[in-house]
Amino acid sequence: MLLESYQDLEDVKATSLSHKDCLLISYGDQLHNESQTPLQCLHEFANEYLSGSFSAIHILPFYPYTSDDGFSVSDFEAVHPEMGSWKDVQELSNDFQLMFDAVFNHASQSHHWVQSHLQGDPEFQNFAIETDPTLDLSQVVRPRALPLLTEFEKSSGEKVHLWTTFSADQVDLNVRNPKVLLELTRVLLEYVRKGARLIRLDAIAFLWKEPGTNCLHLEQTHTIIRFWREVLDLFCPDVLLITETNVPHEENVSYFGNDGDEAQLVYQFPLPPLTAHAILEENGNELTTWAQGLEQPTKRTCFFNFMASHDGVGVRGAQGILSTEEIATLADHCLSNGGLIGYKNNPDGSQSPYELNINYLNLLSPQSASDDEKISKFLLSQSILLTMPGLPAIYFHSLVGSENYSEGVKETGHNRTINREKLNLNELKLQLSDEKSLRHRIYSGIVSMIESRKVRRAFHPRGVFEVLDFGNEFFAIKRSFAGESLLCIHNLTSEEQSHRDLPSGQLILGESLEVLKPWGVAWIRLES
């Protein structure tokens, strides 16, 4: 539980976030039409469909890239010409706060730093990590089932093996080299100058490489994050750092640092798989038990809550909370509902699920389910997201009710494409205007919850919370701040449920105080 009261509200304001904040996650080229750049299309959509509900937009990497849908960056300081220009980004930042990605663990093999290293340019010596392939690297934690080292040929004809944690086209940068660290720090500050108010440190847990270790969460990585935090606090203290680390919960929260001296926000990776498990199994025991144990270490930090992302649903955050068998059952649901599984290599040579590649809407319901069932289950999950303590973030395809893009997977051969479909702006507007459509019903349901949330001080990211045990059929959370208290209760089952112990209050969201329909939700403003 968080602190029950605050003597100094300035401590609460230190994150510069409030109950009015909600963030959209989107690709820069998520939308297109014939007359505008994709970033202009995103801006038009945002002004028409996000104003009044969302305060910020995370634009996934919009820089020039060569693979991995933007995460193999070939130029950290340019906008991909097919997405638009810095002017488009600036104009969007005038209406919404923006989150940029700092993809600093690696760069595209075509990036001039990597190419200059291979060409023997002394200015770029040791920008990449050359490694003896005979070294024992078996302890290194792998996020994907791909080779750790990739062979390259230098301009001299010498063949070398470079560290490539994520793919052969993503060459890890050598932050041991002070020149590399200073260049990345310069880019970080340039992002602030270009309009970033939140900066996401992508795959940051792998930053420091040390043969003979697992190369994950090393102390040198934490030291560099603290350094970047100090730089930002000195020159632009309103800018927030957020770490993206798809790892078990106890490892994840280490990125808050000591007394909040690293990231102000960390991704809440256990939330998506635990919520899916609770809804699919109609049993909230694991979700409730985990949430009851949540703590935030300082008044200056909070969680970054999400249910879906461009990567699918990571399951590493559920390790140690769900059993191996329960994670396998979740993976089986994914496969039976039209999804795919991404695996990681383990040090013992085995493989285990790393992420579920599926649209979250489809993960929760079988393909044969009715629209009513799909919508009820999905909006239930979004209510859990919006009532948890922290900053809520909603992926674009969740907001507009998209389903699995299986045709795209066939075209690209990449599992993650299933939740990365690009949409025509004009066609999407037509679909959202149809009040009977799946897209409209989900969009309007989510926006209704966000608009109800933003006028309730109890939902402050740093407000008091208490997770209540009302039985395995429910997930219930009490939120309080500045004299206001709310109870948010969720029916995780396919049966109508009633609860005799509900306190009196005013229903602000839902259909009834006494009875929750299948997968129903009730937000109740409690009497003083």
Protein backbone atom coordinates (compact mmCIF):
# COMPACT_ATOMS: atom_id res chain seq x y z
CA MET A 1 0.00 0.00 0.00
CA LEU A 2 1.16 3.56 -0.59
CA LEU A 3 1.52 6.11 2.18
CA GLU A 4 -1.86 6.93 3.67
CA SER A 5 -1.39 10.69 3.70
CA TYR A 6 0.97 13.38 2.50
CA GLN A 7 2.12 16.24 4.70
CA ASP A 8 3.62 17.97 1.70
CA LEU A 9 1.64 17.85 -1.52
CA GLU A 10 4.69 19.14 -3.38
CA ASP A 11 6.18 15.66 -3.00
CA VAL A 12 3.18 14.23 -4.82
CA LYS A 13 3.48 16.79 -7.58
CA ALA A 14 7.13 15.92 -8.15
CA THR A 15 6.28 13.50 -10.94
CA SER A 16 4.34 16.32 -12.70
CA LEU A 17 1.53 13.81 -13.26
CA SER A 18 -2.06 13.80 -12.01
CA HIS A 19 -5.34 11.90 -12.26
CA LYS A 20 -6.01 13.85 -15.47
CA ASP A 21 -3.16 12.14 -17.31
CA CYS A 22 -3.54 9.21 -19.70
CA LEU A 23 -1.14 8.25 -22.49
CA LEU A 24 -1.67 6.74 -25.94
CA ILE A 25 0.99 4.44 -27.43
CA SER A 26 1.21 4.71 -31.22
CA TYR A 27 3.56 4.25 -34.13
CA GLY A 28 4.46 7.42 -35.99
CA ASP A 29 3.15 5.83 -39.19
CA GLN A 30 0.13 4.21 -37.54
CA LEU A 31 -2.24 6.16 -39.81
CA HIS A 32 -2.05 7.27 -43.41
CA ASN A 33 -3.98 8.96 -46.19
CA GLU A 34 -3.10 10.45 -49.55
CA SER A 35 -2.83 14.12 -48.55
CA GLN A 36 -0.84 14.13 -45.29
CA THR A 37 2.26 12.65 -43.74
CA PRO A 38 1.60 9.85 -41.23
CA LEU A 39 2.59 12.13 -38.34
CA GLN A 40 0.10 14.72 -39.57
CA CYS A 41 -2.55 11.97 -39.75
CA LEU A 42 -1.75 11.01 -36.15
CA HIS A 43 -2.08 14.66 -35.13
CA GLU A 44 -5.46 14.98 -36.85
CA PHE A 45 -6.71 11.78 -35.20
CA ALA A 46 -5.41 12.94 -31.81
CA ASN A 47 -7.13 16.31 -32.02
CA GLU A 48 -10.42 14.72 -33.01
CA TYR A 49 -10.47 11.57 -30.86
CA LEU A 50 -8.05 12.13 -27.94
CA SER A 51 -8.57 15.74 -26.84
CA GLY A 52 -10.30 15.85 -23.51
CA SER A 53 -9.31 12.33 -22.55
CA PHE A 54 -5.60 11.75 -23.33
CA SER A 55 -2.86 14.14 -22.27
CA ALA A 56 0.20 12.46 -23.81
CA ILE A 57 1.27 10.34 -26.77
CA HIS A 58 4.15 7.90 -26.90
CA ILE A 59 5.35 7.93 -30.50
CA LEU A 60 7.22 4.67 -30.96
CA PRO A 61 10.59 5.13 -32.75
CA PHE A 62 9.97 7.52 -35.63
CA TYR A 63 13.63 7.73 -36.66
CA PRO A 64 15.11 6.23 -39.84
CA TYR A 65 15.51 2.47 -39.33
CA THR A 66 16.33 -0.74 -41.16
CA SER A 67 14.34 -3.41 -39.28
CA ASP A 68 12.24 -4.32 -36.23
CA ASP A 69 9.58 -1.73 -37.04
CA GLY A 70 11.74 1.16 -35.89
CA PHE A 71 13.89 -0.36 -33.14
CA SER A 72 16.92 -0.83 -35.39
CA VAL A 73 17.73 2.88 -35.66
CA SER A 74 20.02 4.09 -38.43
CA ASP A 75 19.95 7.77 -37.37
CA PHE A 76 19.02 8.79 -33.82
CA GLU A 77 18.56 12.46 -34.72
CA ALA A 78 16.32 12.42 -37.79
CA VAL A 79 12.65 11.75 -38.51
CA HIS A 80 11.98 8.96 -40.97
CA PRO A 81 11.12 10.81 -44.21
CA GLU A 82 8.18 8.48 -44.85
CA MET A 83 6.64 9.51 -41.51
CA GLY A 84 7.09 13.26 -41.74
CA SER A 85 9.41 15.87 -40.28
CA TRP A 86 10.55 17.45 -37.03
CA LYS A 87 8.03 20.20 -37.78
CA ASP A 88 5.24 17.59 -37.61
CA VAL A 89 6.58 16.36 -34.25
CA GLN A 90 6.82 19.91 -32.92
CA GLU A 91 3.25 20.72 -33.94
CA LEU A 92 2.01 17.58 -32.22
CA SER A 93 3.94 18.54 -29.07
CA ASN A 94 2.01 21.83 -28.97
CA ASP A 95 -1.21 19.90 -28.25
CA PHE A 96 0.01 16.81 -26.36
CA GLN A 97 2.94 15.88 -24.17
CA LEU A 98 5.18 13.47 -26.08
CA MET A 99 7.22 10.43 -25.12
CA PHE A 100 10.25 9.62 -27.28
CA ASP A 101 12.18 6.35 -27.36
CA ALA A 102 15.87 6.34 -26.47
CA VAL A 103 16.93 3.11 -28.19
CA PHE A 104 20.42 3.26 -26.70
CA ASN A 105 21.27 -0.41 -26.21
CA HIS A 106 21.90 -0.89 -29.92
CA ALA A 107 21.84 0.70 -33.37
CA SER A 108 21.27 -0.57 -36.89
CA GLN A 109 24.32 -2.13 -38.50
CA SER A 110 23.95 0.63 -41.13
CA HIS A 111 24.26 3.42 -38.51
CA HIS A 112 27.33 5.55 -39.25
CA TRP A 113 28.76 4.79 -35.77
CA VAL A 114 28.76 1.06 -36.54
CA GLN A 115 29.97 1.49 -40.11
CA SER A 116 32.75 3.86 -39.02
CA HIS A 117 33.83 1.32 -36.41
CA LEU A 118 34.01 -1.39 -39.09
CA GLN A 119 35.89 0.94 -41.45
CA GLY A 120 38.58 1.51 -38.83
CA ASP A 121 37.89 5.21 -38.31
CA PRO A 122 39.86 6.09 -35.14
CA GLU A 123 37.15 8.55 -34.06
CA PHE A 124 34.71 5.63 -33.81
CA GLN A 125 37.04 2.94 -32.46
CA ASN A 126 35.24 0.71 -29.93
CA PHE A 127 31.76 2.10 -30.66
CA ALA A 128 30.66 -1.54 -31.10
CA ILE A 129 31.61 -4.52 -28.92
CA GLU A 130 34.03 -6.97 -30.54
CA THR A 131 33.97 -10.28 -28.68
CA ASP A 132 35.94 -13.51 -28.89
CA PRO A 133 33.36 -16.17 -29.92
CA THR A 134 35.26 -18.82 -27.94
CA LEU A 135 34.44 -17.09 -24.64
CA ASP A 136 31.90 -18.80 -22.42
CA LEU A 137 28.81 -16.58 -22.79
CA SER A 138 26.34 -19.23 -21.69
CA GLN A 139 25.17 -17.19 -18.70
CA VAL A 140 23.99 -14.28 -20.83
CA VAL A 141 20.22 -13.83 -20.66
CA ARG A 142 18.71 -13.79 -24.15
CA PRO A 143 15.45 -11.97 -24.98
CA ARG A 144 15.10 -13.78 -28.31
CA ALA A 145 16.03 -17.15 -29.75
CA LEU A 146 18.75 -15.69 -32.01
CA PRO A 147 22.58 -15.78 -31.97
CA LEU A 148 24.23 -13.48 -29.43
CA LEU A 149 27.21 -12.69 -31.69
CA THR A 150 27.20 -11.85 -35.39
CA GLU A 151 30.20 -12.02 -37.73
CA PHE A 152 31.14 -8.84 -39.64
CA GLU A 153 34.03 -8.04 -41.96
CA LYS A 154 36.03 -4.86 -41.39
CA SER A 155 37.33 -2.76 -44.27
CA SER A 156 40.77 -4.24 -43.57
CA GLY A 157 39.42 -7.69 -44.36
CA GLU A 158 39.54 -8.79 -40.72
CA LYS A 159 36.51 -10.76 -39.58
CA VAL A 160 35.15 -9.85 -36.16
CA HIS A 161 32.22 -10.91 -34.02
CA LEU A 162 30.04 -8.08 -32.71
CA TRP A 163 27.63 -8.32 -29.81
CA THR A 164 24.04 -8.34 -31.15
CA THR A 165 21.65 -9.03 -28.27
CA PHE A 166 18.43 -8.63 -30.25
CA SER A 167 19.23 -9.42 -33.90
CA ALA A 168 22.02 -9.35 -36.45
CA ASP A 169 20.81 -5.93 -37.60
CA GLN A 170 20.89 -4.48 -34.07
CA VAL A 171 24.52 -3.99 -33.07
CA ASP A 172 25.01 -3.31 -29.36
CA LEU A 173 26.70 0.00 -28.53
CA ASN A 174 29.75 0.01 -26.30
CA VAL A 175 28.88 2.32 -23.41
CA ARG A 176 32.21 1.41 -21.78
CA ASN A 177 33.62 3.87 -24.29
CA PRO A 178 33.20 7.39 -22.82
CA LYS A 179 32.71 8.80 -26.33
CA VAL A 180 29.69 6.54 -26.82
CA LEU A 181 28.20 7.49 -23.46
CA LEU A 182 28.67 11.20 -24.16
CA GLU A 183 27.14 10.89 -27.64
CA LEU A 184 24.09 9.12 -26.24
CA THR A 185 23.77 11.77 -23.53
CA ARG A 186 23.91 14.49 -26.19
CA VAL A 187 21.13 12.71 -28.13
CA LEU A 188 19.08 12.44 -24.92
CA LEU A 189 19.22 16.21 -24.46
CA GLU A 190 18.47 16.76 -28.13
CA TYR A 191 15.23 14.79 -27.70
CA VAL A 192 14.26 17.17 -24.91
CA ARG A 193 15.02 20.13 -27.16
CA LYS A 194 12.81 18.59 -29.84
CA GLY A 195 9.81 18.32 -27.51
CA ALA A 196 10.09 15.11 -25.44
CA ARG A 197 8.58 15.35 -21.95
CA LEU A 198 8.92 11.64 -21.21
CA ILE A 199 11.83 9.50 -22.44
CA ARG A 200 11.59 5.72 -22.61
CA LEU A 201 14.86 3.84 -22.15
CA ASP A 202 14.27 0.87 -24.42
CA ALA A 203 15.70 -2.55 -23.46
CA ILE A 204 17.84 -0.73 -20.91
CA ALA A 205 18.42 -3.77 -18.68
CA PHE A 206 20.90 -5.17 -21.25
CA LEU A 207 22.99 -1.98 -21.59
CA TRP A 208 26.27 -3.08 -19.95
CA LYS A 209 28.05 -6.22 -21.22
CA GLU A 210 30.34 -8.20 -18.95
CA PRO A 211 31.44 -11.70 -20.09
CA GLY A 212 31.07 -14.21 -17.28
CA THR A 213 27.83 -12.62 -16.04
CA ASN A 214 24.22 -12.71 -17.22
CA CYS A 215 24.66 -9.17 -18.60
CA LEU A 216 21.31 -8.17 -17.14
CA HIS A 217 20.67 -5.45 -14.52
CA LEU A 218 24.38 -4.95 -13.95
CA GLU A 219 25.32 -2.21 -11.50
CA GLN A 220 27.04 -0.26 -14.27
CA THR A 221 23.67 -0.03 -16.06
CA HIS A 222 22.03 1.43 -12.95
CA THR A 223 24.92 3.89 -12.60
CA ILE A 224 24.41 5.15 -16.15
CA ILE A 225 20.66 5.59 -15.57
CA ARG A 226 21.43 7.59 -12.43
CA PHE A 227 23.83 9.73 -14.47
CA TRP A 228 21.20 10.44 -17.12
CA ARG A 229 18.65 11.23 -14.42
CA GLU A 230 21.06 13.73 -12.83
CA VAL A 231 21.69 15.37 -16.21
CA LEU A 232 17.96 15.73 -16.86
CA ASP A 233 17.25 16.95 -13.33
CA LEU A 234 19.90 19.62 -13.78
CA PHE A 235 18.90 20.95 -17.20
CA CYS A 236 15.24 19.96 -17.62
CA PRO A 237 13.73 18.73 -14.32
CA ASP A 238 10.22 18.45 -15.77
CA VAL A 239 11.29 15.61 -18.10
CA LEU A 240 10.54 12.09 -16.84
CA LEU A 241 12.57 8.93 -17.42
CA ILE A 242 10.80 5.60 -17.88
CA THR A 243 12.55 2.24 -18.07
CA GLU A 244 11.33 -0.62 -20.25
CA THR A 245 12.46 -3.91 -18.71
CA ASN A 246 10.40 -7.00 -19.46
CA VAL A 247 11.62 -9.00 -16.46
CA PRO A 248 10.17 -10.46 -13.22
CA HIS A 249 8.63 -7.88 -10.89
CA GLU A 250 11.35 -7.65 -8.24
CA GLU A 251 13.98 -7.05 -10.93
CA ASN A 252 11.76 -4.52 -12.68
CA VAL A 253 11.21 -2.27 -9.66
CA SER A 254 14.97 -2.05 -9.09
CA TYR A 255 14.95 0.65 -11.78
CA PHE A 256 13.31 3.09 -9.39
CA GLY A 257 16.79 3.08 -7.87
CA ASN A 258 17.68 4.02 -4.34
CA ASP A 259 15.23 6.53 -2.92
CA GLY A 260 13.90 7.20 -6.42
CA ASP A 261 17.21 8.30 -8.00
CA GLU A 262 16.79 6.42 -11.31
CA ALA A 263 13.56 6.30 -13.34
CA GLN A 264 10.45 8.16 -12.22
CA LEU A 265 8.33 5.48 -13.90
CA VAL A 266 8.80 1.79 -14.65
CA TYR A 267 6.63 -0.44 -16.81
CA GLN A 268 4.21 -2.58 -14.80
CA PHE A 269 4.94 -5.79 -16.74
CA PRO A 270 3.08 -8.27 -14.48
CA LEU A 271 -0.25 -6.47 -14.97
CA PRO A 272 -1.13 -7.63 -18.54
CA PRO A 273 -0.51 -11.39 -18.07
CA LEU A 274 -2.04 -11.46 -14.58
CA THR A 275 -5.17 -9.66 -15.75
CA ALA A 276 -5.53 -11.98 -18.74
CA HIS A 277 -5.06 -15.00 -16.48
CA ALA A 278 -7.72 -13.72 -14.04
CA ILE A 279 -10.30 -13.15 -16.78
CA LEU A 280 -9.60 -16.35 -18.70
CA GLU A 281 -9.61 -18.52 -15.58
CA GLU A 282 -12.43 -16.49 -13.92
CA ASN A 283 -10.26 -16.38 -10.82
CA GLY A 284 -8.55 -13.26 -9.46
CA ASN A 285 -6.55 -14.85 -6.64
CA GLU A 286 -3.09 -14.34 -8.19
CA LEU A 287 -3.93 -10.84 -9.46
CA THR A 288 -5.27 -9.77 -6.07
CA THR A 289 -2.41 -11.30 -4.08
CA TRP A 290 0.21 -9.64 -6.31
CA ALA A 291 -1.52 -6.24 -6.26
CA GLN A 292 -1.86 -6.35 -2.47
CA GLY A 293 1.92 -6.55 -2.22
CA LEU A 294 2.66 -3.58 -4.46
CA GLU A 295 4.71 -0.76 -3.05
CA GLN A 296 6.25 2.35 -4.55
CA PRO A 297 9.54 3.27 -2.89
CA THR A 298 9.33 7.07 -2.95
CA LYS A 299 6.86 9.91 -3.36
CA ARG A 300 8.56 10.85 -6.64
CA THR A 301 7.92 7.64 -8.56
CA CYS A 302 4.99 5.66 -9.92
CA PHE A 303 4.20 2.74 -12.17
CA PHE A 304 3.55 2.94 -15.90
CA ASN A 305 0.48 0.73 -16.33
CA PHE A 306 -0.48 -0.86 -19.63
CA MET A 307 -2.32 -3.93 -20.94
CA ALA A 308 -1.20 -4.14 -24.56
CA SER A 309 1.74 -2.88 -26.58
CA HIS A 310 3.42 -3.16 -29.94
CA ASP A 311 5.33 -6.17 -28.57
CA GLY A 312 2.31 -8.17 -27.44
CA VAL A 313 2.00 -9.50 -23.89
CA GLY A 314 5.28 -10.22 -22.13
CA VAL A 315 5.07 -13.10 -19.64
CA ARG A 316 8.41 -12.77 -17.87
CA GLY A 317 6.85 -10.28 -15.47
CA ALA A 318 4.50 -13.04 -14.29
CA GLN A 319 7.31 -15.45 -13.42
CA GLY A 320 7.28 -16.22 -9.73
CA ILE A 321 3.64 -15.09 -9.52
CA LEU A 322 2.05 -17.55 -11.94
CA SER A 323 3.33 -21.10 -11.99
CA THR A 324 5.07 -22.56 -15.04
CA GLU A 325 1.89 -24.50 -15.74
CA GLU A 326 -0.30 -21.39 -15.50
CA ILE A 327 1.97 -19.50 -17.92
CA ALA A 328 1.80 -22.48 -20.29
CA THR A 329 -2.01 -22.42 -20.06
CA LEU A 330 -1.98 -18.70 -20.87
CA ALA A 331 0.19 -19.47 -23.91
CA ASP A 332 -2.28 -22.19 -24.96
CA HIS A 333 -5.13 -19.65 -24.81
CA CYS A 334 -3.05 -17.36 -27.01
CA LEU A 335 -2.50 -20.05 -29.63
CA SER A 336 -6.13 -21.22 -29.63
CA ASN A 337 -7.32 -17.62 -30.05
CA GLY A 338 -5.24 -17.06 -33.16
CA GLY A 339 -2.03 -15.74 -31.62
CA LEU A 340 1.61 -16.75 -31.72
CA ILE A 341 4.38 -17.21 -29.12
CA GLY A 342 7.80 -15.56 -28.96
CA TYR A 343 10.38 -17.68 -27.17
CA LYS A 344 13.64 -16.88 -25.39
CA ASN A 345 16.74 -19.02 -25.01
CA ASN A 346 17.59 -20.12 -21.46
CA PRO A 347 21.16 -20.69 -20.20
CA ASP A 348 20.52 -24.45 -20.00
CA GLY A 349 19.73 -24.57 -23.72
CA SER A 350 15.96 -24.82 -23.29
CA GLN A 351 13.38 -22.30 -24.49
CA SER A 352 10.44 -20.73 -22.69
CA PRO A 353 7.67 -18.27 -23.63
CA TYR A 354 8.88 -14.66 -23.60
CA GLU A 355 5.87 -12.90 -25.05
CA LEU A 356 2.41 -13.66 -26.42
CA ASN A 357 2.05 -12.17 -29.89
CA ILE A 358 -1.64 -11.44 -30.05
CA ASN A 359 -4.08 -8.56 -29.92
CA TYR A 360 -5.22 -8.24 -26.29
CA LEU A 361 -8.88 -8.21 -27.32
CA ASN A 362 -8.40 -11.61 -28.97
CA LEU A 363 -6.36 -13.01 -26.09
CA LEU A 364 -9.33 -12.60 -23.73
CA SER A 365 -11.99 -14.23 -25.94
CA PRO A 366 -12.20 -17.21 -28.29
CA GLN A 367 -12.55 -16.42 -31.96
CA SER A 368 -16.13 -17.75 -31.87
CA ALA A 369 -17.22 -15.33 -29.11
CA SER A 370 -19.90 -12.73 -29.75
CA ASP A 371 -19.03 -9.05 -29.97
CA ASP A 372 -20.86 -8.50 -26.67
CA GLU A 373 -18.60 -11.00 -24.90
CA LYS A 374 -15.45 -9.61 -26.50
CA ILE A 375 -16.36 -6.05 -25.57
CA SER A 376 -17.35 -6.87 -21.98
CA LYS A 377 -14.15 -8.79 -21.25
CA PHE A 378 -11.98 -6.20 -22.93
CA LEU A 379 -13.53 -3.19 -21.20
CA LEU A 380 -13.20 -5.10 -17.91
CA SER A 381 -9.44 -5.34 -18.53
CA GLN A 382 -9.23 -1.65 -19.37
CA SER A 383 -11.07 -0.75 -16.17
CA ILE A 384 -8.49 -2.70 -14.16
CA LEU A 385 -5.77 -0.79 -16.01
CA LEU A 386 -7.36 2.60 -15.35
CA THR A 387 -7.99 1.98 -11.65
CA MET A 388 -4.49 0.78 -10.73
CA PRO A 389 -2.13 3.31 -9.10
CA GLY A 390 0.19 4.92 -11.62
CA LEU A 391 0.05 6.45 -15.10
CA PRO A 392 -2.24 4.50 -17.48
CA ALA A 393 -1.21 3.95 -21.10
CA ILE A 394 -3.39 2.50 -23.86
CA TYR A 395 -2.06 1.05 -27.10
CA PHE A 396 -3.59 2.47 -30.28
CA HIS A 397 -5.09 -0.83 -31.42
CA SER A 398 -6.70 -1.31 -28.00
CA LEU A 399 -8.34 2.11 -28.18
CA VAL A 400 -9.88 1.49 -31.61
CA GLY A 401 -10.88 -2.15 -31.09
CA SER A 402 -8.53 -3.82 -33.57
CA GLU A 403 -8.23 -7.57 -33.85
CA ASN A 404 -5.43 -9.92 -34.92
CA TYR A 405 -3.68 -8.85 -38.12
CA SER A 406 -2.82 -12.39 -39.19
CA GLU A 407 -2.48 -11.45 -42.87
CA GLY A 408 0.35 -9.12 -41.92
CA VAL A 409 2.26 -11.94 -40.24
CA LYS A 410 2.06 -13.92 -43.48
CA GLU A 411 3.44 -10.95 -45.38
CA THR A 412 6.34 -10.09 -43.06
CA GLY A 413 7.11 -13.43 -41.45
CA HIS A 414 7.34 -11.68 -38.07
CA ASN A 415 5.07 -12.69 -35.17
CA ARG A 416 4.83 -9.16 -33.78
CA THR A 417 3.18 -7.86 -36.93
CA ILE A 418 -0.05 -9.41 -35.60
CA ASN A 419 -0.61 -6.32 -33.44
CA ARG A 420 1.04 -3.67 -35.66
CA GLU A 421 -1.40 -3.13 -38.51
CA LYS A 422 -1.25 0.30 -40.20
CA LEU A 423 -4.64 1.88 -40.83
CA ASN A 424 -6.13 4.30 -43.32
CA LEU A 425 -7.28 7.37 -41.38
CA ASN A 426 -10.41 7.98 -43.45
CA GLU A 427 -11.51 4.35 -43.27
CA LEU A 428 -10.92 4.27 -39.52
CA LYS A 429 -13.04 7.39 -39.04
CA LEU A 430 -15.90 5.76 -40.94
CA GLN A 431 -15.68 2.64 -38.80
CA LEU A 432 -15.61 4.65 -35.59
CA SER A 433 -18.67 6.61 -36.69
CA ASP A 434 -20.74 3.39 -36.88
CA GLU A 435 -22.25 3.15 -33.39
CA LYS A 436 -22.93 -0.58 -33.82
CA SER A 437 -19.38 -1.46 -34.82
CA LEU A 438 -16.90 -3.21 -32.55
CA ARG A 439 -14.46 -0.31 -33.01
CA HIS A 440 -16.96 2.36 -31.93
CA ARG A 441 -18.24 0.42 -28.93
CA ILE A 442 -14.76 -0.22 -27.59
CA TYR A 443 -13.48 3.30 -28.30
CA SER A 444 -16.50 4.94 -26.66
CA GLY A 445 -16.32 2.57 -23.68
CA ILE A 446 -12.65 3.34 -23.01
CA VAL A 447 -13.06 7.10 -23.47
CA SER A 448 -16.06 7.09 -21.12
CA MET A 449 -13.92 5.48 -18.40
CA ILE A 450 -11.03 7.89 -18.97
CA GLU A 451 -13.32 10.91 -18.80
CA SER A 452 -14.84 9.62 -15.58
CA ARG A 453 -11.36 8.95 -14.20
CA LYS A 454 -9.92 12.37 -14.94
CA VAL A 455 -12.46 14.23 -12.78
CA ARG A 456 -11.77 12.00 -9.75
CA ARG A 457 -8.87 13.11 -7.57
CA ALA A 458 -8.78 9.67 -5.94
CA PHE A 459 -7.12 8.36 -9.12
CA HIS A 460 -4.00 10.48 -8.61
CA PRO A 461 -1.02 8.31 -9.69
CA ARG A 462 0.46 8.67 -6.24
CA GLY A 463 -2.79 8.41 -4.29
CA VAL A 464 -3.51 5.87 -1.57
CA PHE A 465 -4.66 2.45 -2.72
CA GLU A 466 -5.87 -0.71 -1.04
CA VAL A 467 -6.58 -3.96 -2.84
CA LEU A 468 -9.47 -5.74 -1.14
CA ASP A 469 -10.21 -9.46 -1.08
CA PHE A 470 -13.87 -9.89 -2.02
CA GLY A 471 -13.36 -13.46 -3.20
CA ASN A 472 -11.77 -14.99 -6.27
CA GLU A 473 -14.68 -13.89 -8.45
CA PHE A 474 -13.70 -10.23 -8.05
CA PHE A 475 -10.85 -7.79 -8.34
CA ALA A 476 -11.51 -4.84 -6.05
CA ILE A 477 -9.38 -1.78 -5.39
CA LYS A 478 -10.00 1.25 -3.20
CA ARG A 479 -8.42 4.56 -4.27
CA SER A 480 -8.16 7.67 -2.06
CA PHE A 481 -6.65 11.12 -2.34
CA ALA A 482 -7.34 14.63 -1.06
CA GLY A 483 -10.52 13.66 0.78
CA GLU A 484 -12.10 11.56 -1.98
CA SER A 485 -12.41 7.75 -1.91
CA LEU A 486 -13.56 5.34 -4.60
CA LEU A 487 -14.16 1.60 -4.68
CA CYS A 488 -13.70 -0.07 -8.07
CA ILE A 489 -14.95 -3.64 -8.23
CA HIS A 490 -14.67 -6.02 -11.19
CA ASN A 491 -16.58 -9.24 -11.85
CA LEU A 492 -14.05 -11.60 -13.41
CA THR A 493 -16.59 -14.29 -14.23
CA SER A 494 -19.13 -15.19 -16.87
CA GLU A 495 -21.86 -15.29 -14.21
CA GLU A 496 -23.84 -12.49 -12.61
CA GLN A 497 -22.37 -11.70 -9.20
CA SER A 498 -23.64 -9.84 -6.15
CA HIS A 499 -21.78 -8.83 -3.01
CA ARG A 500 -23.40 -8.05 0.31
CA ASP A 501 -20.43 -6.23 1.81
CA LEU A 502 -20.28 -3.31 -0.59
CA PRO A 503 -20.22 0.03 1.27
CA SER A 504 -22.79 2.69 0.50
CA GLY A 505 -21.95 5.33 -2.03
CA GLN A 506 -22.71 6.85 -5.41
CA LEU A 507 -22.36 4.78 -8.58
CA ILE A 508 -20.23 6.76 -11.03
CA LEU A 509 -19.55 4.00 -13.57
CA GLY A 510 -21.43 0.77 -14.20
CA GLU A 511 -25.01 -0.37 -14.09
CA SER A 512 -25.68 -1.36 -10.48
CA LEU A 513 -24.36 -1.09 -6.94
CA GLU A 514 -25.77 -4.45 -5.90
CA VAL A 515 -25.33 -6.76 -8.88
CA LEU A 516 -22.52 -6.98 -11.43
CA LYS A 517 -23.38 -8.50 -14.77
CA PRO A 518 -20.93 -11.02 -16.33
CA TRP A 519 -17.54 -9.29 -16.68
CA GLY A 520 -19.19 -6.18 -15.24
CA VAL A 521 -17.59 -3.19 -13.54
CA ALA A 522 -18.74 -0.73 -10.87
CA TRP A 523 -16.92 2.41 -9.75
CA ILE A 524 -18.43 3.71 -6.51
CA ARG A 525 -17.77 7.08 -4.87
CA LEU A 526 -17.74 6.29 -1.18
CA GLU A 527 -19.40 8.43 1.46
CA SER A 528 -17.01 10.32 3.74
